[in-house]
Amino acid sequence: MDVLHIMEREGDRVVAQLPEDVDLYTTPSVSTAVNGLIDSGCCHLVLDATRTLHMDSTGVSALVGWYQRLDVIGGSLGVTGLHDGLLRMFTILGLDNVMSLTPGPAATA
């Protein structure tokens, strides 16, 4: 099973589903997949966290890095499908100031 499941790809916009755990063990594989998407022309990335139950500091650091890469090229990063705990953590960290954070499933175009 892929660590990052591509749900939709249209032009330079990709919607991809994160795994259950985004942590020290899975983040390297997820990062490889996300960086590959950005390298291949993705400028607007929506990560669906509907299945994500746990994200540690490694995962959060990766999100910040992806945001920075996309911001430099005029792109955007959104995370959707966040359960209350992750949404609260991201808001406390101030990530709501730099990326779109929404509860519920990913919106499709």
C-alpha atoms as a PDB file:
ATOM      1  CA  MET A   1       0.000   0.000   0.000  1.00  0.00           C
ATOM      2  CA  ASP A   2       1.238   3.474  -0.865  1.00  0.00           C
ATOM      3  CA  VAL A   3       2.097   5.712   2.060  1.00  0.00           C
ATOM      4  CA  LEU A   4       0.498   8.666   0.242  1.00  0.00           C
ATOM      5  CA  HIS A   5      -2.631   7.866  -1.768  1.00  0.00           C
ATOM      6  CA  ILE A   6      -3.310  10.255  -4.675  1.00  0.00           C
ATOM      7  CA  MET A   7      -7.053  10.921  -4.689  1.00  0.00           C
ATOM      8  CA  GLU A   8      -7.194  13.562  -7.417  1.00  0.00           C
ATOM      9  CA  ARG A   9      -4.787  15.265  -9.778  1.00  0.00           C
ATOM     10  CA  GLU A  10      -5.784  18.112 -12.049  1.00  0.00           C
ATOM     11  CA  GLY A  11      -3.167  20.381 -13.565  1.00  0.00           C
ATOM     12  CA  ASP A  12      -0.913  21.673 -10.796  1.00  0.00           C
ATOM     13  CA  ARG A  13      -3.369  20.707  -8.005  1.00  0.00           C
ATOM     14  CA  VAL A  14      -3.170  17.389  -6.161  1.00  0.00           C
ATOM     15  CA  VAL A  15      -5.343  15.946  -3.399  1.00  0.00           C
ATOM     16  CA  ALA A  16      -3.596  13.125  -1.535  1.00  0.00           C
ATOM     17  CA  GLN A  17      -4.557  11.098   1.510  1.00  0.00           C
ATOM     18  CA  LEU A  18      -2.129  10.857   4.411  1.00  0.00           C
ATOM     19  CA  PRO A  19      -1.597   7.572   6.267  1.00  0.00           C
ATOM     20  CA  GLU A  20      -2.959   6.742   9.740  1.00  0.00           C
ATOM     21  CA  ASP A  21       0.312   7.706  11.392  1.00  0.00           C
ATOM     22  CA  VAL A  22       2.580  10.516  10.247  1.00  0.00           C
ATOM     23  CA  ASP A  23       5.492  10.038  12.586  1.00  0.00           C
ATOM     24  CA  LEU A  24       9.186   9.298  12.863  1.00  0.00           C
ATOM     25  CA  TYR A  25       8.723   6.007  11.018  1.00  0.00           C
ATOM     26  CA  THR A  26       6.389   7.035   8.179  1.00  0.00           C
ATOM     27  CA  THR A  27       7.384  10.665   7.564  1.00  0.00           C
ATOM     28  CA  PRO A  28      10.487   9.836   5.465  1.00  0.00           C
ATOM     29  CA  SER A  29       8.349   7.856   2.979  1.00  0.00           C
ATOM     30  CA  VAL A  30       5.584  10.461   2.987  1.00  0.00           C
ATOM     31  CA  SER A  31       8.181  13.203   2.443  1.00  0.00           C
ATOM     32  CA  THR A  32       9.675  11.358  -0.506  1.00  0.00           C
ATOM     33  CA  ALA A  33       6.201  11.096  -2.067  1.00  0.00           C
ATOM     34  CA  VAL A  34       5.236  14.744  -1.395  1.00  0.00           C
ATOM     35  CA  ASN A  35       8.571  16.084  -2.596  1.00  0.00           C
ATOM     36  CA  GLY A  36       8.164  13.992  -5.747  1.00  0.00           C
ATOM     37  CA  LEU A  37       4.759  15.594  -6.352  1.00  0.00           C
ATOM     38  CA  ILE A  38       6.195  19.084  -5.909  1.00  0.00           C
ATOM     39  CA  ASP A  39       9.183  18.244  -8.134  1.00  0.00           C
ATOM     40  CA  SER A  40       6.792  17.029 -10.849  1.00  0.00           C
ATOM     41  CA  GLY A  41       4.833  20.297 -10.950  1.00  0.00           C
ATOM     42  CA  CYS A  42       2.347  20.220  -8.081  1.00  0.00           C
ATOM     43  CA  CYS A  43       1.906  23.796  -6.820  1.00  0.00           C
ATOM     44  CA  HIS A  44      -1.356  23.411  -4.892  1.00  0.00           C
ATOM     45  CA  LEU A  45      -1.423  20.450  -2.540  1.00  0.00           C
ATOM     46  CA  VAL A  46      -4.347  19.373  -0.384  1.00  0.00           C
ATOM     47  CA  LEU A  47      -3.538  16.665   2.131  1.00  0.00           C
ATOM     48  CA  ASP A  48      -6.539  14.690   3.344  1.00  0.00           C
ATOM     49  CA  ALA A  49      -6.005  13.699   6.984  1.00  0.00           C
ATOM     50  CA  THR A  50      -9.340  11.889   7.355  1.00  0.00           C
ATOM     51  CA  ARG A  51      -7.546   8.622   8.222  1.00  0.00           C
ATOM     52  CA  THR A  52      -4.712  10.267  10.189  1.00  0.00           C
ATOM     53  CA  LEU A  53      -4.970   9.441  13.874  1.00  0.00           C
ATOM     54  CA  HIS A  54      -1.496  10.498  14.985  1.00  0.00           C
ATOM     55  CA  MET A  55       1.045  13.058  13.862  1.00  0.00           C
ATOM     56  CA  ASP A  56       4.214  13.743  15.833  1.00  0.00           C
ATOM     57  CA  SER A  57       6.703  16.607  15.603  1.00  0.00           C
ATOM     58  CA  THR A  58       8.432  14.907  12.671  1.00  0.00           C
ATOM     59  CA  GLY A  59       5.211  15.047  10.660  1.00  0.00           C
ATOM     60  CA  VAL A  60       4.520  18.649  11.676  1.00  0.00           C
ATOM     61  CA  SER A  61       8.056  19.658  10.663  1.00  0.00           C
ATOM     62  CA  ALA A  62       7.535  17.994   7.294  1.00  0.00           C
ATOM     63  CA  LEU A  63       4.280  19.932   6.789  1.00  0.00           C
ATOM     64  CA  VAL A  64       6.089  23.189   7.489  1.00  0.00           C
ATOM     65  CA  GLY A  65       8.820  22.228   5.013  1.00  0.00           C
ATOM     66  CA  TRP A  66       6.261  21.406   2.303  1.00  0.00           C
ATOM     67  CA  TYR A  67       4.482  24.695   2.964  1.00  0.00           C
ATOM     68  CA  GLN A  68       7.781  26.558   2.580  1.00  0.00           C
ATOM     69  CA  ARG A  69       8.609  24.789  -0.695  1.00  0.00           C
ATOM     70  CA  LEU A  70       5.175  25.527  -2.128  1.00  0.00           C
ATOM     71  CA  ASP A  71       5.130  29.125  -0.892  1.00  0.00           C
ATOM     72  CA  VAL A  72       8.390  29.898  -2.703  1.00  0.00           C
ATOM     73  CA  ILE A  73       6.812  28.887  -6.023  1.00  0.00           C
ATOM     74  CA  GLY A  74       3.534  30.715  -5.375  1.00  0.00           C
ATOM     75  CA  GLY A  75       1.708  27.546  -4.403  1.00  0.00           C
ATOM     76  CA  SER A  76      -0.411  26.539  -1.453  1.00  0.00           C
ATOM     77  CA  LEU A  77      -0.808  23.772   1.094  1.00  0.00           C
ATOM     78  CA  GLY A  78      -4.047  22.770   2.725  1.00  0.00           C
ATOM     79  CA  VAL A  79      -4.852  20.018   5.178  1.00  0.00           C
ATOM     80  CA  THR A  80      -8.415  18.799   5.357  1.00  0.00           C
ATOM     81  CA  GLY A  81     -10.252  16.034   7.143  1.00  0.00           C
ATOM     82  CA  LEU A  82      -8.596  16.970  10.428  1.00  0.00           C
ATOM     83  CA  HIS A  83     -10.069  15.462  13.573  1.00  0.00           C
ATOM     84  CA  ASP A  84     -10.474  17.813  16.542  1.00  0.00           C
ATOM     85  CA  GLY A  85      -7.169  16.908  18.206  1.00  0.00           C
ATOM     86  CA  LEU A  86      -5.030  17.541  15.126  1.00  0.00           C
ATOM     87  CA  LEU A  87      -6.946  20.701  14.226  1.00  0.00           C
ATOM     88  CA  ARG A  88      -6.437  22.033  17.755  1.00  0.00           C
ATOM     89  CA  MET A  89      -2.711  21.179  17.705  1.00  0.00           C
ATOM     90  CA  PHE A  90      -2.192  22.849  14.303  1.00  0.00           C
ATOM     91  CA  THR A  91      -4.074  25.943  15.457  1.00  0.00           C
ATOM     92  CA  ILE A  92      -2.033  26.179  18.675  1.00  0.00           C
ATOM     93  CA  LEU A  93       1.134  25.952  16.568  1.00  0.00           C
ATOM     94  CA  GLY A  94      -0.123  28.793  14.373  1.00  0.00           C
ATOM     95  CA  LEU A  95      -0.264  26.714  11.204  1.00  0.00           C
ATOM     96  CA  ASP A  96      -3.738  28.122  10.511  1.00  0.00           C
ATOM     97  CA  ASN A  97      -1.969  31.402   9.681  1.00  0.00           C
ATOM     98  CA  VAL A  98      -0.013  29.895   6.781  1.00  0.00           C
ATOM     99  CA  MET A  99      -2.122  27.036   5.423  1.00  0.00           C
ATOM    100  CA  SER A 100      -5.755  26.165   5.020  1.00  0.00           C
ATOM    101  CA  LEU A 101      -6.898  23.806   7.798  1.00  0.00           C
ATOM    102  CA  THR A 102     -10.372  22.302   7.698  1.00  0.00           C
ATOM    103  CA  PRO A 103     -12.208  19.514   9.462  1.00  0.00           C
ATOM    104  CA  GLY A 104     -14.062  16.928   7.395  1.00  0.00           C
ATOM    105  CA  PRO A 105     -13.242  15.170   4.116  1.00  0.00           C
ATOM    106  CA  ALA A 106     -11.222  16.754   1.290  1.00  0.00           C
ATOM    107  CA  ALA A 107     -13.167  18.907  -1.139  1.00  0.00           C
ATOM    108  CA  THR A 108     -12.920  17.796  -4.741  1.00  0.00           C
ATOM    109  CA  ALA A 109     -12.966  20.218  -7.643  1.00  0.00           C
END
